[in-house]
Every structure is written in C-alpha cells, then in structure tokens.
Amino acid sequence: MKVIVRRPRREVEMPGSRRVRDLLQELKINPESVLVVRGQELLTPDELVRDEETVEVVPAISGGSAHEV
C-alpha cells in the first residue's frame, strides 16, 4: 500500500494489507493526533487497508474561537 503522510511530508510503500491501527503503530504515529483517509472516506482504526490502496495520514487539528467572552 502507499501511505502519504502530510506532516512531515513523506510517502511510504508498505507491502501487504493491515488494519489502520497497525499501520499507524508501524509508522510510530500517535493515532489520536491524525485522521486516516482513503479517497473521500475517513477510516476507523479497525478498518483494513489493502495492499493495492493509497491512504493519507493527515493531522487532526482543532481550534477554538478567536473571540473572548
């Protein structure tokens, strides 16, 4: 499978199929800090990514309001 990591930018080829949680563990990426996307589909940790597929690992960013109350 092809894995595109957005921060820092890199592309990794990983042979075989594996679950999202295992993929992140192998890449030493904290699963709580990223989202894993296949096409337009957000993947859960239990989903299987097949050898021929491409997924993107993008940072999960949340922000607050810029206005004070």
PDB file of N, CA and C in Angstrom:
ATOM      1  N   MET A   1       0.844  -1.167   0.000  1.00  0.00           N
ATOM      2  CA  MET A   1       0.000   0.000   0.000  1.00  0.00           C
ATOM      3  C   MET A   1       0.887   1.227   0.000  1.00  0.00           C
ATOM      4  N   LYS A   2       0.328   2.309  -0.484  1.00  0.00           N
ATOM      5  CA  LYS A   2       1.036   3.580  -0.467  1.00  0.00           C
ATOM      6  C   LYS A   2       0.427   4.434   0.636  1.00  0.00           C
ATOM      7  N   VAL A   3       1.287   4.975   1.494  1.00  0.00           N
ATOM      8  CA  VAL A   3       0.844   5.820   2.598  1.00  0.00           C
ATOM      9  C   VAL A   3       1.456   7.205   2.399  1.00  0.00           C
ATOM     10  N   ILE A   4       0.608   8.211   2.338  1.00  0.00           N
ATOM     11  CA  ILE A   4       1.060   9.593   2.214  1.00  0.00           C
ATOM     12  C   ILE A   4       0.863  10.253   3.567  1.00  0.00           C
ATOM     13  N   VAL A   5       1.964  10.639   4.190  1.00  0.00           N
ATOM     14  CA  VAL A   5       1.919  11.314   5.487  1.00  0.00           C
ATOM     15  C   VAL A   5       2.081  12.800   5.209  1.00  0.00           C
ATOM     16  N   ARG A   6       1.162  13.617   5.726  1.00  0.00           N
ATOM     17  CA  ARG A   6       1.161  15.049   5.425  1.00  0.00           C
ATOM     18  C   ARG A   6       2.121  15.878   6.268  1.00  0.00           C
ATOM     19  N   ARG A   7       2.348  15.506   7.534  1.00  0.00           N
ATOM     20  CA  ARG A   7       3.253  16.287   8.393  1.00  0.00           C
ATOM     21  C   ARG A   7       4.124  15.357   9.192  1.00  0.00           C
ATOM     22  N   PRO A   8       5.399  15.308   9.031  1.00  0.00           N
ATOM     23  CA  PRO A   8       6.121  15.901   7.913  1.00  0.00           C
ATOM     24  C   PRO A   8       5.826  15.136   6.639  1.00  0.00           C
ATOM     25  N   ARG A   9       5.907  15.814   5.513  1.00  0.00           N
ATOM     26  CA  ARG A   9       5.549  15.247   4.210  1.00  0.00           C
ATOM     27  C   ARG A   9       6.491  14.105   3.849  1.00  0.00           C
ATOM     28  N   ARG A  10       5.896  12.931   3.625  1.00  0.00           N
ATOM     29  CA  ARG A  10       6.655  11.775   3.147  1.00  0.00           C
ATOM     30  C   ARG A  10       5.701  10.755   2.557  1.00  0.00           C
ATOM     31  N   GLU A  11       6.216   9.907   1.704  1.00  0.00           N
ATOM     32  CA  GLU A  11       5.446   8.804   1.129  1.00  0.00           C
ATOM     33  C   GLU A  11       6.155   7.511   1.476  1.00  0.00           C
ATOM     34  N   VAL A  12       5.353   6.526   1.893  1.00  0.00           N
ATOM     35  CA  VAL A  12       5.897   5.244   2.329  1.00  0.00           C
ATOM     36  C   VAL A  12       5.175   4.135   1.585  1.00  0.00           C
ATOM     37  N   GLU A  13       5.918   3.174   1.063  1.00  0.00           N
ATOM     38  CA  GLU A  13       5.340   1.971   0.474  1.00  0.00           C
ATOM     39  C   GLU A  13       5.425   0.866   1.516  1.00  0.00           C
ATOM     40  N   MET A  14       4.294   0.254   1.803  1.00  0.00           N
ATOM     41  CA  MET A  14       4.251  -0.832   2.772  1.00  0.00           C
ATOM     42  C   MET A  14       3.601  -2.043   2.112  1.00  0.00           C
ATOM     43  N   PRO A  15       4.322  -3.163   2.024  1.00  0.00           N
ATOM     44  CA  PRO A  15       3.748  -4.350   1.388  1.00  0.00           C
ATOM     45  C   PRO A  15       2.677  -4.991   2.264  1.00  0.00           C
ATOM     46  N   GLY A  16       1.688  -5.572   1.628  1.00  0.00           N
ATOM     47  CA  GLY A  16       0.649  -6.296   2.343  1.00  0.00           C
ATOM     48  C   GLY A  16      -0.494  -5.413   2.795  1.00  0.00           C
ATOM     49  N   SER A  17      -1.486  -6.061   3.383  1.00  0.00           N
ATOM     50  CA  SER A  17      -2.656  -5.375   3.922  1.00  0.00           C
ATOM     51  C   SER A  17      -2.543  -5.338   5.434  1.00  0.00           C
ATOM     52  N   ARG A  18      -3.125  -4.301   6.043  1.00  0.00           N
ATOM     53  CA  ARG A  18      -3.132  -4.217   7.506  1.00  0.00           C
ATOM     54  C   ARG A  18      -4.210  -3.274   7.983  1.00  0.00           C
ATOM     55  N   ARG A  19      -4.565  -3.389   9.226  1.00  0.00           N
ATOM     56  CA  ARG A  19      -5.549  -2.501   9.834  1.00  0.00           C
ATOM     57  C   ARG A  19      -4.915  -1.138  10.083  1.00  0.00           C
ATOM     58  N   VAL A  20      -5.767  -0.111  10.093  1.00  0.00           N
ATOM     59  CA  VAL A  20      -5.299   1.262  10.280  1.00  0.00           C
ATOM     60  C   VAL A  20      -4.481   1.378  11.565  1.00  0.00           C
ATOM     61  N   ARG A  21      -4.947   0.794  12.663  1.00  0.00           N
ATOM     62  CA  ARG A  21      -4.224   0.901  13.946  1.00  0.00           C
ATOM     63  C   ARG A  21      -2.816   0.327  13.838  1.00  0.00           C
ATOM     64  N   ASP A  22      -2.663  -0.794  13.094  1.00  0.00           N
ATOM     65  CA  ASP A  22      -1.359  -1.423  12.934  1.00  0.00           C
ATOM     66  C   ASP A  22      -0.447  -0.591  12.035  1.00  0.00           C
ATOM     67  N   LEU A  23      -1.035  -0.013  11.021  1.00  0.00           N
ATOM     68  CA  LEU A  23      -0.297   0.867  10.110  1.00  0.00           C
ATOM     69  C   LEU A  23       0.305   2.036  10.887  1.00  0.00           C
ATOM     70  N   LEU A  24      -0.509   2.701  11.709  1.00  0.00           N
ATOM     71  CA  LEU A  24      -0.028   3.842  12.487  1.00  0.00           C
ATOM     72  C   LEU A  24       1.030   3.416  13.496  1.00  0.00           C
ATOM     73  N   GLN A  25       0.855   2.272  14.101  1.00  0.00           N
ATOM     74  CA  GLN A  25       1.830   1.777  15.063  1.00  0.00           C
ATOM     75  C   GLN A  25       3.182   1.539  14.382  1.00  0.00           C
ATOM     76  N   GLU A  26       3.163   0.933  13.205  1.00  0.00           N
ATOM     77  CA  GLU A  26       4.400   0.673  12.475  1.00  0.00           C
ATOM     78  C   GLU A  26       5.108   1.965  12.073  1.00  0.00           C
ATOM     79  N   LEU A  27       4.318   2.999  11.771  1.00  0.00           N
ATOM     80  CA  LEU A  27       4.892   4.289  11.391  1.00  0.00           C
ATOM     81  C   LEU A  27       5.238   5.153  12.601  1.00  0.00           C
ATOM     82  N   LYS A  28       4.957   4.633  13.806  1.00  0.00           N
ATOM     83  CA  LYS A  28       5.213   5.360  15.059  1.00  0.00           C
ATOM     84  C   LYS A  28       4.480   6.709  15.092  1.00  0.00           C
ATOM     85  N   ILE A  29       3.197   6.651  14.701  1.00  0.00           N
ATOM     86  CA  ILE A  29       2.338   7.837  14.697  1.00  0.00           C
ATOM     87  C   ILE A  29       1.254   7.649  15.742  1.00  0.00           C
ATOM     88  N   ASN A  30       1.071   8.649  16.588  1.00  0.00           N
ATOM     89  CA  ASN A  30       0.035   8.620  17.615  1.00  0.00           C
ATOM     90  C   ASN A  30      -1.338   8.650  16.930  1.00  0.00           C
ATOM     91  N   PRO A  31      -2.165   7.617  17.100  1.00  0.00           N
ATOM     92  CA  PRO A  31      -3.463   7.564  16.419  1.00  0.00           C
ATOM     93  C   PRO A  31      -4.426   8.662  16.853  1.00  0.00           C
ATOM     94  N   GLU A  32      -4.200   9.271  18.014  1.00  0.00           N
ATOM     95  CA  GLU A  32      -5.077  10.335  18.482  1.00  0.00           C
ATOM     96  C   GLU A  32      -4.733  11.686  17.856  1.00  0.00           C
ATOM     97  N   SER A  33      -3.630  11.756  17.126  1.00  0.00           N
ATOM     98  CA  SER A  33      -3.193  13.032  16.557  1.00  0.00           C
ATOM     99  C   SER A  33      -3.458  13.151  15.060  1.00  0.00           C
ATOM    100  N   VAL A  34      -4.002  12.090  14.440  1.00  0.00           N
ATOM    101  CA  VAL A  34      -4.179  12.094  12.983  1.00  0.00           C
ATOM    102  C   VAL A  34      -5.535  11.521  12.569  1.00  0.00           C
ATOM    103  N   LEU A  35      -5.878  11.783  11.315  1.00  0.00           N
ATOM    104  CA  LEU A  35      -7.004  11.144  10.637  1.00  0.00           C
ATOM    105  C   LEU A  35      -6.418  10.361   9.480  1.00  0.00           C
ATOM    106  N   VAL A  36      -7.000   9.206   9.188  1.00  0.00           N
ATOM    107  CA  VAL A  36      -6.555   8.400   8.057  1.00  0.00           C
ATOM    108  C   VAL A  36      -7.691   8.372   7.043  1.00  0.00           C
ATOM    109  N   VAL A  37      -7.367   8.748   5.808  1.00  0.00           N
ATOM    110  CA  VAL A  37      -8.371   8.925   4.764  1.00  0.00           C
ATOM    111  C   VAL A  37      -8.012   8.082   3.545  1.00  0.00           C
ATOM    112  N   ARG A  38      -9.035   7.423   2.982  1.00  0.00           N
ATOM    113  CA  ARG A  38      -8.893   6.680   1.730  1.00  0.00           C
ATOM    114  C   ARG A  38      -9.860   7.319   0.755  1.00  0.00           C
ATOM    115  N   GLY A  39      -9.346   8.048  -0.234  1.00  0.00           N
ATOM    116  CA  GLY A  39     -10.218   8.793  -1.147  1.00  0.00           C
ATOM    117  C   GLY A  39     -10.936   9.880  -0.367  1.00  0.00           C
ATOM    118  N   GLN A  40     -12.254   9.805  -0.302  1.00  0.00           N
ATOM    119  CA  GLN A  40     -13.064  10.750   0.471  1.00  0.00           C
ATOM    120  C   GLN A  40     -13.593  10.133   1.762  1.00  0.00           C
ATOM    121  N   GLU A  41     -13.101   8.925   2.101  1.00  0.00           N
ATOM    122  CA  GLU A  41     -13.625   8.169   3.234  1.00  0.00           C
ATOM    123  C   GLU A  41     -12.683   8.229   4.442  1.00  0.00           C
ATOM    124  N   LEU A  42     -13.213   8.635   5.579  1.00  0.00           N
ATOM    125  CA  LEU A  42     -12.475   8.637   6.834  1.00  0.00           C
ATOM    126  C   LEU A  42     -12.464   7.212   7.383  1.00  0.00           C
ATOM    127  N   LEU A  43     -11.286   6.704   7.729  1.00  0.00           N
ATOM    128  CA  LEU A  43     -11.170   5.320   8.178  1.00  0.00           C
ATOM    129  C   LEU A  43     -11.080   5.235   9.699  1.00  0.00           C
ATOM    130  N   THR A  44     -11.668   4.187  10.251  1.00  0.00           N
ATOM    131  CA  THR A  44     -11.575   3.917  11.683  1.00  0.00           C
ATOM    132  C   THR A  44     -10.354   3.033  11.939  1.00  0.00           C
ATOM    133  N   PRO A  45      -9.900   2.938  13.186  1.00  0.00           N
ATOM    134  CA  PRO A  45      -8.727   2.103  13.493  1.00  0.00           C
ATOM    135  C   PRO A  45      -8.893   0.636  13.119  1.00  0.00           C
ATOM    136  N   ASP A  46     -10.119   0.134  13.081  1.00  0.00           N
ATOM    137  CA  ASP A  46     -10.355  -1.278  12.782  1.00  0.00           C
ATOM    138  C   ASP A  46     -10.413  -1.598  11.297  1.00  0.00           C
ATOM    139  N   GLU A  47     -10.468  -0.584  10.446  1.00  0.00           N
ATOM    140  CA  GLU A  47     -10.638  -0.839   9.008  1.00  0.00           C
ATOM    141  C   GLU A  47      -9.363  -1.378   8.378  1.00  0.00           C
ATOM    142  N   LEU A  48      -9.555  -2.262   7.414  1.00  0.00           N
ATOM    143  CA  LEU A  48      -8.453  -2.899   6.702  1.00  0.00           C
ATOM    144  C   LEU A  48      -8.091  -2.074   5.476  1.00  0.00           C
ATOM    145  N   VAL A  49      -6.812  -1.829   5.312  1.00  0.00           N
ATOM    146  CA  VAL A  49      -6.301  -1.167   4.110  1.00  0.00           C
ATOM    147  C   VAL A  49      -5.588  -2.242   3.310  1.00  0.00           C
ATOM    148  N   ARG A  50      -5.988  -2.401   2.062  1.00  0.00           N
ATOM    149  CA  ARG A  50      -5.438  -3.463   1.218  1.00  0.00           C
ATOM    150  C   ARG A  50      -4.149  -3.018   0.531  1.00  0.00           C
ATOM    151  N   ASP A  51      -3.388  -3.992   0.119  1.00  0.00           N
ATOM    152  CA  ASP A  51      -2.068  -3.771  -0.468  1.00  0.00           C
ATOM    153  C   ASP A  51      -2.085  -2.785  -1.638  1.00  0.00           C
ATOM    154  N   GLU A  52      -3.122  -2.833  -2.464  1.00  0.00           N
ATOM    155  CA  GLU A  52      -3.158  -2.006  -3.682  1.00  0.00           C
ATOM    156  C   GLU A  52      -3.715  -0.600  -3.452  1.00  0.00           C
ATOM    157  N   GLU A  53      -4.091  -0.261  -2.229  1.00  0.00           N
ATOM    158  CA  GLU A  53      -4.737   1.019  -1.949  1.00  0.00           C
ATOM    159  C   GLU A  53      -3.741   2.095  -1.518  1.00  0.00           C
ATOM    160  N   THR A  54      -4.212   3.348  -1.590  1.00  0.00           N
ATOM    161  CA  THR A  54      -3.454   4.501  -1.113  1.00  0.00           C
ATOM    162  C   THR A  54      -4.269   5.179  -0.017  1.00  0.00           C
ATOM    163  N   VAL A  55      -3.610   5.506   1.088  1.00  0.00           N
ATOM    164  CA  VAL A  55      -4.264   6.242   2.163  1.00  0.00           C
ATOM    165  C   VAL A  55      -3.418   7.467   2.495  1.00  0.00           C
ATOM    166  N   GLU A  56      -4.080   8.464   3.075  1.00  0.00           N
ATOM    167  CA  GLU A  56      -3.398   9.664   3.538  1.00  0.00           C
ATOM    168  C   GLU A  56      -3.540   9.765   5.044  1.00  0.00           C
ATOM    169  N   VAL A  57      -2.459  10.168   5.694  1.00  0.00           N
ATOM    170  CA  VAL A  57      -2.456  10.402   7.138  1.00  0.00           C
ATOM    171  C   VAL A  57      -2.309  11.909   7.317  1.00  0.00           C
ATOM    172  N   VAL A  58      -3.370  12.532   7.833  1.00  0.00           N
ATOM    173  CA  VAL A  58      -3.382  13.987   7.964  1.00  0.00           C
ATOM    174  C   VAL A  58      -3.528  14.377   9.431  1.00  0.00           C
ATOM    175  N   PRO A  59      -2.899  15.488   9.830  1.00  0.00           N
ATOM    176  CA  PRO A  59      -3.012  15.912  11.224  1.00  0.00           C
ATOM    177  C   PRO A  59      -4.446  16.280  11.574  1.00  0.00           C
ATOM    178  N   ALA A  60      -4.867  15.885  12.753  1.00  0.00           N
ATOM    179  CA  ALA A  60      -6.199  16.262  13.260  1.00  0.00           C
ATOM    180  C   ALA A  60      -6.006  17.559  14.031  1.00  0.00           C
ATOM    181  N   ILE A  61      -6.489  18.630  13.475  1.00  0.00           N
ATOM    182  CA  ILE A  61      -6.299  19.948  14.067  1.00  0.00           C
ATOM    183  C   ILE A  61      -7.644  20.461  14.547  1.00  0.00           C
ATOM    184  N   SER A  62      -7.661  20.913  15.781  1.00  0.00           N
ATOM    185  CA  SER A  62      -8.878  21.549  16.261  1.00  0.00           C
ATOM    186  C   SER A  62      -8.493  22.907  16.791  1.00  0.00           C
ATOM    187  N   GLY A  63      -9.415  23.817  16.667  1.00  0.00           N
ATOM    188  CA  GLY A  63      -9.137  25.175  17.143  1.00  0.00           C
ATOM    189  C   GLY A  63     -10.320  25.706  17.892  1.00  0.00           C
ATOM    190  N   GLY A  64     -10.080  26.750  18.602  1.00  0.00           N
ATOM    191  CA  GLY A  64     -11.156  27.385  19.359  1.00  0.00           C
ATOM    192  C   GLY A  64     -11.534  28.700  18.732  1.00  0.00           C
ATOM    193  N   SER A  65     -12.393  29.371  19.367  1.00  0.00           N
ATOM    194  CA  SER A  65     -12.843  30.666  18.899  1.00  0.00           C
ATOM    195  C   SER A  65     -11.768  31.695  19.183  1.00  0.00           C
ATOM    196  N   ALA A  66     -11.621  32.647  18.280  1.00  0.00           N
ATOM    197  CA  ALA A  66     -10.667  33.711  18.456  1.00  0.00           C
ATOM    198  C   ALA A  66     -11.252  34.831  19.320  1.00  0.00           C
ATOM    199  N   HIS A  67     -12.537  34.745  19.589  1.00  0.00           N
ATOM    200  CA  HIS A  67     -13.217  35.794  20.364  1.00  0.00           C
ATOM    201  C   HIS A  67     -13.272  35.420  21.834  1.00  0.00           C
ATOM    202  N   GLU A  68     -12.937  36.387  22.682  1.00  0.00           N
ATOM    203  CA  GLU A  68     -13.062  36.148  24.114  1.00  0.00           C
ATOM    204  C   GLU A  68     -14.463  36.494  24.567  1.00  0.00           C
ATOM    205  N   VAL A  69     -14.927  35.796  25.569  1.00  0.00           N
ATOM    206  CA  VAL A  69     -16.277  36.020  26.087  1.00  0.00           C
ATOM    207  C   VAL A  69     -16.223  36.915  27.293  1.00  0.00           C
TER     208      VAL A  69
END
